[in-house]
All heavy atoms as atom14 arrays in JSON, in Angstrom:
{
  "sequence": "DLRETIFQNCGFEGVDFDYSDLRGLCLDDQT",
  "atom14_mask": [
    [1, 1, 1, 1, 1, 1, 1, 1, 0, 0, 0, 0, 0, 0],
    [1, 1, 1, 1, 1, 1, 1, 1, 0, 0, 0, 0, 0, 0],
    [1, 1, 1, 1, 1, 1, 1, 1, 1, 1, 1, 0, 0, 0],
    [1, 1, 1, 1, 1, 1, 1, 1, 1, 0, 0, 0, 0, 0],
    [1, 1, 1, 1, 1, 1, 1, 0, 0, 0, 0, 0, 0, 0],
    [1, 1, 1, 1, 1, 1, 1, 1, 0, 0, 0, 0, 0, 0],
    [1, 1, 1, 1, 1, 1, 1, 1, 1, 1, 1, 0, 0, 0],
    [1, 1, 1, 1, 1, 1, 1, 1, 1, 0, 0, 0, 0, 0],
    [1, 1, 1, 1, 1, 1, 1, 1, 0, 0, 0, 0, 0, 0],
    [1, 1, 1, 1, 1, 1, 0, 0, 0, 0, 0, 0, 0, 0],
    [1, 1, 1, 1, 0, 0, 0, 0, 0, 0, 0, 0, 0, 0],
    [1, 1, 1, 1, 1, 1, 1, 1, 1, 1, 1, 0, 0, 0],
    [1, 1, 1, 1, 1, 1, 1, 1, 1, 0, 0, 0, 0, 0],
    [1, 1, 1, 1, 0, 0, 0, 0, 0, 0, 0, 0, 0, 0],
    [1, 1, 1, 1, 1, 1, 1, 0, 0, 0, 0, 0, 0, 0],
    [1, 1, 1, 1, 1, 1, 1, 1, 0, 0, 0, 0, 0, 0],
    [1, 1, 1, 1, 1, 1, 1, 1, 1, 1, 1, 0, 0, 0],
    [1, 1, 1, 1, 1, 1, 1, 1, 0, 0, 0, 0, 0, 0],
    [1, 1, 1, 1, 1, 1, 1, 1, 1, 1, 1, 1, 0, 0],
    [1, 1, 1, 1, 1, 1, 0, 0, 0, 0, 0, 0, 0, 0],
    [1, 1, 1, 1, 1, 1, 1, 1, 0, 0, 0, 0, 0, 0],
    [1, 1, 1, 1, 1, 1, 1, 1, 0, 0, 0, 0, 0, 0],
    [1, 1, 1, 1, 1, 1, 1, 1, 1, 1, 1, 0, 0, 0],
    [1, 1, 1, 1, 0, 0, 0, 0, 0, 0, 0, 0, 0, 0],
    [1, 1, 1, 1, 1, 1, 1, 1, 0, 0, 0, 0, 0, 0],
    [1, 1, 1, 1, 1, 1, 0, 0, 0, 0, 0, 0, 0, 0],
    [1, 1, 1, 1, 1, 1, 1, 1, 0, 0, 0, 0, 0, 0],
    [1, 1, 1, 1, 1, 1, 1, 1, 0, 0, 0, 0, 0, 0],
    [1, 1, 1, 1, 1, 1, 1, 1, 0, 0, 0, 0, 0, 0],
    [1, 1, 1, 1, 1, 1, 1, 1, 1, 0, 0, 0, 0, 0],
    [1, 1, 1, 1, 1, 1, 1, 0, 0, 0, 0, 0, 0, 0]
  ],
  "atom14_positions": [
    [[81.98, -43.58, -31.31], [82.81, -43.0, -32.36], [83.98, -42.25, -31.71], [83.78, -41.23, -31.06], [81.96, -42.03, -33.2], [82.7, -41.56, -34.45], [83.93, -41.7, -34.5], [82.03, -41.04, -35.36], [0.0, 0.0, 0.0], [0.0, 0.0, 0.0], [0.0, 0.0, 0.0], [0.0, 0.0, 0.0], [0.0, 0.0, 0.0], [0.0, 0.0, 0.0]],
    [[85.18, -42.78, -31.89], [86.38, -42.2, -31.28], [87.32, -41.57, -32.31], [88.45, -41.23, -32.0], [87.14, -43.28, -30.51], [86.39, -43.92, -29.32], [87.13, -45.15, -28.84], [86.22, -42.93, -28.19], [0.0, 0.0, 0.0], [0.0, 0.0, 0.0], [0.0, 0.0, 0.0], [0.0, 0.0, 0.0], [0.0, 0.0, 0.0], [0.0, 0.0, 0.0]],
    [[86.83, -41.39, -33.53], [87.72, -40.92, -34.61], [88.32, -39.55, -34.33], [89.45, -39.28, -34.74], [86.94, -40.89, -35.93], [86.64, -42.28, -36.5], [85.8, -42.19, -37.74], [84.48, -41.64, -37.45], [83.56, -41.35, -38.38], [83.84, -41.55, -39.66], [82.38, -40.87, -38.03], [0.0, 0.0, 0.0], [0.0, 0.0, 0.0], [0.0, 0.0, 0.0]],
    [[87.58, -38.69, -33.64], [88.1, -37.35, -33.36], [88.44, -37.16, -31.89], [88.7, -36.04, -31.45], [87.08, -36.3, -33.79], [86.79, -36.28, -35.29], [85.85, -35.16, -35.67], [86.17, -33.98, -35.42], [84.76, -35.46, -36.2], [0.0, 0.0, 0.0], [0.0, 0.0, 0.0], [0.0, 0.0, 0.0], [0.0, 0.0, 0.0], [0.0, 0.0, 0.0]],
    [[88.46, -38.24, -31.14], [88.82, -38.16, -29.73], [90.33, -38.04, -29.58], [91.09, -38.61, -30.37], [88.31, -39.4, -28.98], [86.9, -39.55, -29.22], [88.53, -39.27, -27.48], [0.0, 0.0, 0.0], [0.0, 0.0, 0.0], [0.0, 0.0, 0.0], [0.0, 0.0, 0.0], [0.0, 0.0, 0.0], [0.0, 0.0, 0.0], [0.0, 0.0, 0.0]],
    [[90.77, -37.32, -28.57], [92.2, -37.09, -28.36], [92.66, -37.86, -27.12], [92.1, -37.69, -26.03], [92.49, -35.59, -28.18], [92.04, -34.8, -29.41], [93.97, -35.36, -27.9], [91.97, -33.3, -29.18], [0.0, 0.0, 0.0], [0.0, 0.0, 0.0], [0.0, 0.0, 0.0], [0.0, 0.0, 0.0], [0.0, 0.0, 0.0], [0.0, 0.0, 0.0]],
    [[93.66, -38.73, -27.3], [94.27, -39.46, -26.19], [95.74, -39.07, -26.13], [96.48, -39.26, -27.09], [94.14, -40.97, -26.38], [92.74, -41.51, -26.27], [91.97, -41.7, -27.41], [92.19, -41.81, -25.03], [90.68, -42.21, -27.32], [90.9, -42.31, -24.93], [90.13, -42.51, -26.08], [0.0, 0.0, 0.0], [0.0, 0.0, 0.0], [0.0, 0.0, 0.0]],
    [[96.17, -38.53, -24.99], [97.56, -38.13, -24.82], [98.09, -38.63, -23.48], [97.47, -38.41, -22.44], [97.69, -36.6, -24.87], [97.38, -36.0, -26.23], [97.52, -34.49, -26.25], [97.57, -33.84, -25.21], [97.57, -33.92, -27.43], [0.0, 0.0, 0.0], [0.0, 0.0, 0.0], [0.0, 0.0, 0.0], [0.0, 0.0, 0.0], [0.0, 0.0, 0.0]],
    [[99.23, -39.33, -23.53], [99.89, -39.81, -22.31], [98.94, -40.63, -21.44], [98.84, -40.43, -20.23], [100.44, -38.63, -21.5], [101.42, -39.07, -20.43], [102.13, -40.07, -20.6], [101.45, -38.35, -19.31], [0.0, 0.0, 0.0], [0.0, 0.0, 0.0], [0.0, 0.0, 0.0], [0.0, 0.0, 0.0], [0.0, 0.0, 0.0], [0.0, 0.0, 0.0]],
    [[98.23, -41.56, -22.07], [97.27, -42.4, -21.34], [97.78, -43.84, -21.26], [98.57, -44.3, -22.09], [95.91, -42.39, -22.03], [95.04, -40.81, -21.9], [0.0, 0.0, 0.0], [0.0, 0.0, 0.0], [0.0, 0.0, 0.0], [0.0, 0.0, 0.0], [0.0, 0.0, 0.0], [0.0, 0.0, 0.0], [0.0, 0.0, 0.0], [0.0, 0.0, 0.0]],
    [[97.31, -44.55, -20.24], [97.59, -45.96, -20.11], [96.28, -46.72, -20.18], [95.29, -46.32, -19.55], [0.0, 0.0, 0.0], [0.0, 0.0, 0.0], [0.0, 0.0, 0.0], [0.0, 0.0, 0.0], [0.0, 0.0, 0.0], [0.0, 0.0, 0.0], [0.0, 0.0, 0.0], [0.0, 0.0, 0.0], [0.0, 0.0, 0.0], [0.0, 0.0, 0.0]],
    [[96.24, -47.81, -20.94], [95.03, -48.6, -21.13], [95.27, -50.0, -20.57], [96.13, -50.73, -21.05], [94.68, -48.69, -22.61], [94.46, -47.36, -23.28], [95.53, -46.58, -23.69], [93.17, -46.89, -23.52], [95.34, -45.36, -24.32], [92.96, -45.67, -24.15], [94.05, -44.9, -24.55], [0.0, 0.0, 0.0], [0.0, 0.0, 0.0], [0.0, 0.0, 0.0]],
    [[94.51, -50.38, -19.54], [94.67, -51.7, -18.94], [93.31, -52.38, -18.83], [92.4, -51.87, -18.17], [95.3, -51.59, -17.56], [95.56, -52.95, -16.91], [96.32, -52.85, -15.6], [96.92, -51.78, -15.33], [96.31, -53.83, -14.83], [0.0, 0.0, 0.0], [0.0, 0.0, 0.0], [0.0, 0.0, 0.0], [0.0, 0.0, 0.0], [0.0, 0.0, 0.0]],
    [[93.15, -53.5, -19.52], [91.88, -54.22, -19.48], [90.76, -53.48, -20.17], [89.59, -53.68, -19.86], [0.0, 0.0, 0.0], [0.0, 0.0, 0.0], [0.0, 0.0, 0.0], [0.0, 0.0, 0.0], [0.0, 0.0, 0.0], [0.0, 0.0, 0.0], [0.0, 0.0, 0.0], [0.0, 0.0, 0.0], [0.0, 0.0, 0.0], [0.0, 0.0, 0.0]],
    [[91.09, -52.63, -21.15], [90.09, -51.83, -21.86], [89.51, -52.63, -23.03], [90.22, -53.38, -23.7], [90.7, -50.5, -22.36], [89.71, -49.72, -23.22], [91.17, -49.67, -21.18], [0.0, 0.0, 0.0], [0.0, 0.0, 0.0], [0.0, 0.0, 0.0], [0.0, 0.0, 0.0], [0.0, 0.0, 0.0], [0.0, 0.0, 0.0], [0.0, 0.0, 0.0]],
    [[88.22, -52.46, -23.28], [87.53, -53.14, -24.37], [86.93, -52.09, -25.3], [86.14, -51.25, -24.87], [86.42, -54.03, -23.79], [85.75, -54.91, -24.86], [86.04, -54.74, -26.05], [84.92, -55.75, -24.47], [0.0, 0.0, 0.0], [0.0, 0.0, 0.0], [0.0, 0.0, 0.0], [0.0, 0.0, 0.0], [0.0, 0.0, 0.0], [0.0, 0.0, 0.0]],
    [[87.34, -52.12, -26.58], [86.83, -51.16, -27.56], [85.74, -51.82, -28.43], [85.73, -51.7, -29.64], [87.97, -50.65, -28.45], [88.93, -49.73, -27.76], [90.13, -50.21, -27.25], [88.64, -48.39, -27.61], [91.03, -49.36, -26.62], [89.52, -47.52, -26.98], [90.72, -48.02, -26.48], [0.0, 0.0, 0.0], [0.0, 0.0, 0.0], [0.0, 0.0, 0.0]],
    [[84.82, -52.48, -27.82], [83.82, -53.29, -28.49], [82.99, -52.48, -29.51], [82.27, -51.55, -29.15], [82.89, -53.9, -27.43], [81.87, -54.82, -28.02], [82.24, -55.68, -28.83], [80.68, -54.69, -27.66], [0.0, 0.0, 0.0], [0.0, 0.0, 0.0], [0.0, 0.0, 0.0], [0.0, 0.0, 0.0], [0.0, 0.0, 0.0], [0.0, 0.0, 0.0]],
    [[83.07, -52.87, -30.76], [82.28, -52.25, -31.85], [82.45, -50.73, -31.91], [81.53, -50.02, -32.32], [80.8, -52.6, -31.71], [80.48, -54.01, -32.14], [80.32, -55.02, -31.2], [80.35, -54.34, -33.49], [80.03, -56.33, -31.59], [80.07, -55.64, -33.88], [79.9, -56.62, -32.93], [79.62, -57.91, -33.31], [0.0, 0.0, 0.0], [0.0, 0.0, 0.0]],
    [[83.58, -50.21, -31.5], [83.81, -48.77, -31.56], [84.61, -48.41, -32.81], [85.29, -49.24, -33.4], [84.53, -48.29, -30.3], [83.67, -48.34, -29.18], [0.0, 0.0, 0.0], [0.0, 0.0, 0.0], [0.0, 0.0, 0.0], [0.0, 0.0, 0.0], [0.0, 0.0, 0.0], [0.0, 0.0, 0.0], [0.0, 0.0, 0.0], [0.0, 0.0, 0.0]],
    [[84.52, -47.15, -33.21], [85.15, -46.67, -34.43], [86.44, -45.92, -34.09], [86.4, -44.82, -33.54], [84.19, -45.75, -35.18], [84.65, -45.46, -36.61], [85.83, -45.71, -36.9], [83.82, -45.0, -37.42], [0.0, 0.0, 0.0], [0.0, 0.0, 0.0], [0.0, 0.0, 0.0], [0.0, 0.0, 0.0], [0.0, 0.0, 0.0], [0.0, 0.0, 0.0]],
    [[87.59, -46.54, -34.39], [88.89, -45.94, -34.1], [89.62, -45.55, -35.38], [90.83, -45.34, -35.39], [89.76, -46.92, -33.31], [89.49, -47.12, -31.81], [88.18, -47.83, -31.56], [90.62, -47.91, -31.17], [0.0, 0.0, 0.0], [0.0, 0.0, 0.0], [0.0, 0.0, 0.0], [0.0, 0.0, 0.0], [0.0, 0.0, 0.0], [0.0, 0.0, 0.0]],
    [[88.91, -45.45, -36.48], [89.56, -45.16, -37.77], [90.32, -43.84, -37.73], [89.78, -42.81, -37.37], [88.51, -45.13, -38.88], [87.94, -46.51, -39.23], [86.87, -46.4, -40.28], [85.7, -45.67, -39.77], [84.66, -45.3, -40.52], [84.65, -45.57, -41.82], [83.65, -44.66, -39.98], [0.0, 0.0, 0.0], [0.0, 0.0, 0.0], [0.0, 0.0, 0.0]],
    [[91.6, -43.94, -38.07], [92.44, -42.75, -38.13], [92.84, -42.19, -36.78], [93.5, -41.15, -36.7], [0.0, 0.0, 0.0], [0.0, 0.0, 0.0], [0.0, 0.0, 0.0], [0.0, 0.0, 0.0], [0.0, 0.0, 0.0], [0.0, 0.0, 0.0], [0.0, 0.0, 0.0], [0.0, 0.0, 0.0], [0.0, 0.0, 0.0], [0.0, 0.0, 0.0]],
    [[92.5, -42.88, -35.69], [92.79, -42.39, -34.34], [94.28, -42.5, -34.04], [94.92, -43.5, -34.33], [91.99, -43.19, -33.32], [92.16, -42.81, -31.85], [91.64, -41.4, -31.59], [91.41, -43.81, -30.95], [0.0, 0.0, 0.0], [0.0, 0.0, 0.0], [0.0, 0.0, 0.0], [0.0, 0.0, 0.0], [0.0, 0.0, 0.0], [0.0, 0.0, 0.0]],
    [[94.83, -41.46, -33.42], [96.25, -41.47, -33.04], [96.39, -41.94, -31.59], [95.91, -41.28, -30.66], [96.84, -40.08, -33.19], [98.59, -39.99, -32.7], [0.0, 0.0, 0.0], [0.0, 0.0, 0.0], [0.0, 0.0, 0.0], [0.0, 0.0, 0.0], [0.0, 0.0, 0.0], [0.0, 0.0, 0.0], [0.0, 0.0, 0.0], [0.0, 0.0, 0.0]],
    [[97.06, -43.09, -31.42], [97.32, -43.65, -30.1], [98.82, -43.84, -29.89], [99.26, -44.71, -29.14], [96.57, -44.98, -29.94], [95.04, -44.87, -29.96], [94.4, -46.25, -30.11], [94.52, -44.19, -28.71], [0.0, 0.0, 0.0], [0.0, 0.0, 0.0], [0.0, 0.0, 0.0], [0.0, 0.0, 0.0], [0.0, 0.0, 0.0], [0.0, 0.0, 0.0]],
    [[99.59, -43.0, -30.51], [101.05, -43.11, -30.47], [101.59, -42.95, -29.05], [101.05, -42.2, -28.23], [101.69, -42.03, -31.36], [101.34, -42.2, -32.83], [100.79, -43.25, -33.19], [101.62, -41.25, -33.61], [0.0, 0.0, 0.0], [0.0, 0.0, 0.0], [0.0, 0.0, 0.0], [0.0, 0.0, 0.0], [0.0, 0.0, 0.0], [0.0, 0.0, 0.0]],
    [[102.68, -43.68, -28.78], [103.48, -43.51, -27.55], [102.7, -43.8, -26.27], [103.07, -43.3, -25.2], [104.07, -42.09, -27.49], [104.93, -41.77, -28.7], [105.81, -42.58, -29.04], [104.72, -40.7, -29.3], [0.0, 0.0, 0.0], [0.0, 0.0, 0.0], [0.0, 0.0, 0.0], [0.0, 0.0, 0.0], [0.0, 0.0, 0.0], [0.0, 0.0, 0.0]],
    [[101.65, -44.6, -26.35], [100.88, -44.92, -25.15], [100.96, -46.41, -24.86], [101.43, -47.2, -25.68], [99.44, -44.42, -25.32], [99.43, -42.89, -25.43], [98.07, -42.29, -25.72], [97.28, -42.06, -24.82], [97.8, -42.0, -26.99], [0.0, 0.0, 0.0], [0.0, 0.0, 0.0], [0.0, 0.0, 0.0], [0.0, 0.0, 0.0], [0.0, 0.0, 0.0]],
    [[100.53, -46.8, -23.67], [100.71, -48.18, -23.21], [99.38, -48.92, -23.17], [98.38, -48.41, -22.64], [101.35, -48.19, -21.82], [102.6, -47.48, -21.86], [101.6, -49.62, -21.34], [0.0, 0.0, 0.0], [0.0, 0.0, 0.0], [0.0, 0.0, 0.0], [0.0, 0.0, 0.0], [0.0, 0.0, 0.0], [0.0, 0.0, 0.0], [0.0, 0.0, 0.0]]
  ]
}
């Protein structure tokens, strides 16, 4: 469950969000 997780200035390479909950998650301005 990542709904309340905070990601700031992160880079994602080869990441798999398998069956995870990203509803409403802010991933703005990231790569």
